[in-house]
């Protein structure tokens, strides 16, 4: 598949992930009466973001350094907004989860490529960070797991995406699973398959997601404060 076409499909996935995340946060921050529904819809977001990063890391391994350089400062910048919206300082936002996931992937890749000391230095940091980050250990593990599956082929990775999404989401706050939750967990592959159509979609700026994450949470918090 040409790289431009593959990127266009991932761009569509990114738009769906952003929309899912926004709906989830709307229910959490502004309208708790629809929380169950928005929560379930939001379970789709993180697996899609992890899929985008994993797919790009397999196609262009050098992107790992760029992801690490951008994810950490934006995660730190987003944390105060995350706390304003009701979280604790030691409940780290999703950008930390993505950061530690990429770090774990880099560590595992280093071990496989004959650099065990580098890998064994990085991998424990990713595992340790998982205990404080959203989605926990399974969330951090999702990126290297999807990357490993993607290296075996796109079809294999898509088959694995549903169960891996379920595993990443299973440790989230809701102690029960509804039918809507399960549908959201397992529909991530369907979203990617929907991208097989050839319609065009506007490409988001490179830094859009990093900035959108804290900005939209802050706007929702201000909206909730205004409506009180």
Protein backbone atom coordinates (compact mmCIF):
# COMPACT_ATOMS: atom_id res chain seq x y z
CA UNK A 1 0.00 0.00 0.00
CA UNK A 2 1.42 3.45 -0.90
CA UNK A 3 2.50 5.43 2.17
CA UNK A 4 0.24 8.39 1.30
CA UNK A 5 -2.82 6.14 1.13
CA UNK A 6 -1.92 4.44 4.42
CA UNK A 7 -1.51 7.83 6.11
CA UNK A 8 -4.90 8.96 4.79
CA UNK A 9 -6.56 5.95 6.39
CA UNK A 10 -4.80 6.58 9.68
CA UNK A 11 -5.96 10.20 9.49
CA UNK A 12 -9.57 9.01 9.40
CA UNK A 13 -8.88 6.77 12.41
CA UNK A 14 -7.43 9.80 14.24
CA UNK A 15 -10.60 11.84 13.61
CA UNK A 16 -12.77 9.04 15.01
CA UNK A 17 -10.51 8.74 18.05
CA UNK A 18 -10.65 12.48 18.73
CA UNK A 19 -14.45 12.48 18.43
CA UNK A 20 -14.77 9.46 20.73
CA UNK A 21 -12.49 11.04 23.33
CA UNK A 22 -14.41 14.33 23.25
CA UNK A 23 -17.75 12.58 23.74
CA UNK A 24 -16.31 10.63 26.66
CA UNK A 25 -15.01 13.77 28.38
CA UNK A 26 -18.27 15.62 27.76
CA UNK A 27 -20.15 13.00 29.77
CA UNK A 28 -17.53 12.97 32.53
CA UNK A 29 -17.24 16.72 32.95
CA UNK A 30 -20.39 18.44 31.68
CA UNK A 31 -23.32 16.01 31.59
CA UNK A 32 -23.01 13.11 34.06
CA UNK A 33 -26.59 12.02 33.30
CA UNK A 34 -25.35 10.45 30.04
CA UNK A 35 -22.09 9.20 31.52
CA UNK A 36 -22.72 5.49 30.90
CA UNK A 37 -23.31 6.07 27.19
CA UNK A 38 -20.47 8.55 26.67
CA UNK A 39 -18.10 6.40 28.73
CA UNK A 40 -18.75 3.41 26.48
CA UNK A 41 -18.24 5.49 23.34
CA UNK A 42 -15.01 6.85 24.79
CA UNK A 43 -13.55 3.35 25.22
CA UNK A 44 -12.88 3.38 21.48
CA UNK A 45 -10.46 6.33 21.60
CA UNK A 46 -7.34 4.95 23.26
CA UNK A 47 -7.12 1.73 21.19
CA UNK A 48 -7.37 3.83 18.02
CA UNK A 49 -4.61 6.21 19.15
CA UNK A 50 -2.45 3.24 20.12
CA UNK A 51 -3.12 1.65 16.72
CA UNK A 52 -2.04 4.81 14.88
CA UNK A 53 1.21 5.05 16.82
CA UNK A 54 1.98 1.32 16.53
CA UNK A 55 1.33 1.28 12.78
CA UNK A 56 3.55 4.30 12.21
CA UNK A 57 6.32 2.91 14.40
CA UNK A 58 6.37 -0.27 12.34
CA UNK A 59 6.42 1.63 9.04
CA UNK A 60 8.92 4.26 10.25
CA UNK A 61 10.84 3.15 13.36
CA UNK A 62 12.67 6.48 13.54
CA UNK A 63 9.39 8.12 14.58
CA UNK A 64 9.81 6.67 18.08
CA UNK A 65 12.22 9.42 19.07
CA UNK A 66 9.87 12.10 17.74
CA UNK A 67 6.93 10.65 19.67
CA UNK A 68 8.93 10.60 22.89
CA UNK A 69 10.13 14.18 22.39
CA UNK A 70 6.61 15.51 21.88
CA UNK A 71 4.52 13.29 24.16
CA UNK A 72 6.32 13.95 27.44
CA UNK A 73 6.20 17.80 27.49
CA UNK A 74 2.59 17.83 26.34
CA UNK A 75 1.70 15.23 28.98
CA UNK A 76 3.29 17.44 31.65
CA UNK A 77 1.51 20.51 30.27
CA UNK A 78 -1.83 18.68 30.25
CA UNK A 79 -1.65 17.32 33.79
CA UNK A 80 -2.74 20.56 35.59
CA UNK A 81 -5.77 20.75 33.29
CA UNK A 82 -6.45 17.09 33.98
CA UNK A 83 -6.39 17.82 37.73
CA UNK A 84 -8.66 20.86 37.33
CA UNK A 85 -11.16 18.54 35.64
CA UNK A 86 -11.27 16.34 38.76
CA UNK A 87 -8.33 13.93 38.67
CA UNK A 88 -5.49 13.57 41.17
CA UNK A 89 -1.89 14.57 40.51
CA UNK A 90 -0.81 10.94 40.59
CA UNK A 91 -3.52 9.95 38.10
CA UNK A 92 -1.54 10.69 34.96
CA UNK A 93 -3.33 11.57 31.74
CA UNK A 94 -3.49 9.54 28.54
CA UNK A 95 -0.50 11.28 26.96
CA UNK A 96 1.64 9.70 29.67
CA UNK A 97 0.16 6.31 28.77
CA UNK A 98 1.12 6.83 25.12
CA UNK A 99 4.59 8.02 26.15
CA UNK A 100 5.30 5.00 28.32
CA UNK A 101 3.84 2.72 25.63
CA UNK A 102 6.27 4.07 23.05
CA UNK A 103 9.09 3.83 25.59
CA UNK A 104 8.24 0.19 26.26
CA UNK A 105 8.18 -0.48 22.52
CA UNK A 106 11.63 1.12 22.12
CA UNK A 107 12.96 -0.98 25.00
CA UNK A 108 11.59 -4.24 23.59
CA UNK A 109 12.89 -3.37 20.11
CA UNK A 110 16.34 -2.65 21.53
CA UNK A 111 16.45 -6.06 23.22
CA UNK A 112 15.44 -7.79 19.99
CA UNK A 113 18.11 -5.90 18.05
CA UNK A 114 20.93 -6.92 20.34
CA UNK A 115 21.07 -3.92 22.67
CA UNK A 116 19.88 -5.52 25.93
CA UNK A 117 21.36 -2.91 28.25
CA UNK A 118 19.47 -0.08 26.52
CA UNK A 119 16.31 -2.16 26.42
CA UNK A 120 16.52 -3.20 30.06
CA UNK A 121 17.08 0.44 31.03
CA UNK A 122 14.01 1.72 29.16
CA UNK A 123 11.50 -1.10 29.62
CA UNK A 124 11.24 -0.85 33.44
CA UNK A 125 10.54 2.88 33.13
CA UNK A 126 7.59 2.14 30.86
CA UNK A 127 6.29 -0.53 33.24
CA UNK A 128 6.72 1.69 36.31
CA UNK A 129 4.97 4.63 34.64
CA UNK A 130 2.04 2.40 33.77
CA UNK A 131 1.00 2.16 37.43
CA UNK A 132 0.21 5.88 37.53
CA UNK A 133 -1.18 6.33 34.01
CA UNK A 134 -4.66 5.92 32.59
CA UNK A 135 -5.35 2.37 31.35
CA UNK A 136 -2.52 1.06 33.51
CA UNK A 137 -0.16 -1.73 32.49
CA UNK A 138 -2.44 -3.13 29.81
CA UNK A 139 -2.76 0.32 28.26
CA UNK A 140 1.00 0.80 28.09
CA UNK A 141 1.45 -2.73 26.76
CA UNK A 142 -1.08 -2.10 23.98
CA UNK A 143 1.37 -0.13 21.82
CA UNK A 144 4.20 -2.71 21.75
CA UNK A 145 1.63 -5.50 21.45
CA UNK A 146 -0.05 -3.89 18.43
CA UNK A 147 3.34 -3.13 16.89
CA UNK A 148 4.35 -6.78 17.27
CA UNK A 149 1.09 -7.89 15.67
CA UNK A 150 1.45 -5.33 12.87
CA UNK A 151 4.88 -6.71 12.02
CA UNK A 152 3.18 -10.02 11.30
CA UNK A 153 0.80 -8.36 8.85
CA UNK A 154 -2.12 -5.93 8.80
CA UNK A 155 -4.75 -8.70 8.83
CA UNK A 156 -3.20 -10.37 11.87
CA UNK A 157 -3.03 -7.01 13.66
CA UNK A 158 -6.67 -6.21 12.90
CA UNK A 159 -7.79 -9.58 14.25
CA UNK A 160 -5.80 -8.90 17.43
CA UNK A 161 -6.96 -5.29 17.78
CA UNK A 162 -10.39 -6.16 19.20
CA UNK A 163 -9.23 -8.49 22.00
CA UNK A 164 -6.26 -6.25 22.81
CA UNK A 165 -8.60 -3.25 23.04
CA UNK A 166 -10.76 -5.20 25.46
CA UNK A 167 -7.69 -6.05 27.57
CA UNK A 168 -6.54 -2.41 27.65
CA UNK A 169 -9.98 -1.18 28.68
CA UNK A 170 -10.77 -3.88 31.23
CA UNK A 171 -8.85 -2.12 34.00
CA UNK A 172 -10.70 1.19 33.65
CA UNK A 173 -12.94 2.56 36.39
CA UNK A 174 -16.24 0.84 35.62
CA UNK A 175 -16.30 -2.49 37.50
CA UNK A 176 -18.87 -3.94 35.15
CA UNK A 177 -19.21 -4.45 31.41
CA UNK A 178 -22.39 -3.56 29.55
CA UNK A 179 -23.24 -4.66 26.03
CA UNK A 180 -22.47 -1.13 24.86
CA UNK A 181 -19.02 -1.28 26.50
CA UNK A 182 -18.23 -4.58 24.80
CA UNK A 183 -19.34 -3.25 21.43
CA UNK A 184 -17.08 -0.22 21.84
CA UNK A 185 -14.14 -2.39 22.91
CA UNK A 186 -14.45 -4.69 19.93
CA UNK A 187 -15.35 -2.16 17.24
CA UNK A 188 -11.88 -0.64 16.79
CA UNK A 189 -11.09 -2.99 13.88
CA UNK A 190 -14.37 -1.99 12.22
CA UNK A 191 -13.34 1.65 12.35
CA UNK A 192 -10.10 0.89 10.54
CA UNK A 193 -11.89 -1.23 7.95
CA UNK A 194 -14.25 1.69 7.33
CA UNK A 195 -11.17 3.64 6.26
CA UNK A 196 -10.76 1.42 3.22
CA UNK A 197 -13.03 3.77 1.29
CA UNK A 198 -11.11 6.30 -0.77
CA UNK A 199 -12.86 9.53 0.19
CA UNK A 200 -10.63 12.39 1.28
CA UNK A 201 -10.60 13.90 4.74
CA UNK A 202 -8.81 17.02 5.99
CA UNK A 203 -5.46 16.20 7.55
CA UNK A 204 -5.01 17.38 11.11
CA UNK A 205 -1.89 19.48 11.83
CA UNK A 206 0.98 17.50 13.32
CA UNK A 207 0.61 19.04 16.77
CA UNK A 208 -3.20 19.16 16.76
CA UNK A 209 -3.77 16.19 19.06
CA UNK A 210 -1.15 17.25 21.58
CA UNK A 211 -2.71 20.70 21.94
CA UNK A 212 -6.32 19.55 21.57
CA UNK A 213 -6.12 17.22 24.55
CA UNK A 214 -5.59 19.87 27.30
CA UNK A 215 -7.52 22.59 25.47
CA UNK A 216 -10.74 20.62 25.01
CA UNK A 217 -10.66 19.36 28.63
CA UNK A 218 -10.24 22.95 29.84
CA UNK A 219 -13.07 24.21 27.61
CA UNK A 220 -15.39 21.46 28.87
CA UNK A 221 -14.50 22.33 32.45
CA UNK A 222 -15.23 26.01 31.84
CA UNK A 223 -18.51 25.02 30.17
CA UNK A 224 -19.47 22.95 33.19
CA UNK A 225 -18.58 25.82 35.55
CA UNK A 226 -20.61 28.28 33.46
CA UNK A 227 -23.67 26.01 33.44
CA UNK A 228 -23.71 25.58 37.22
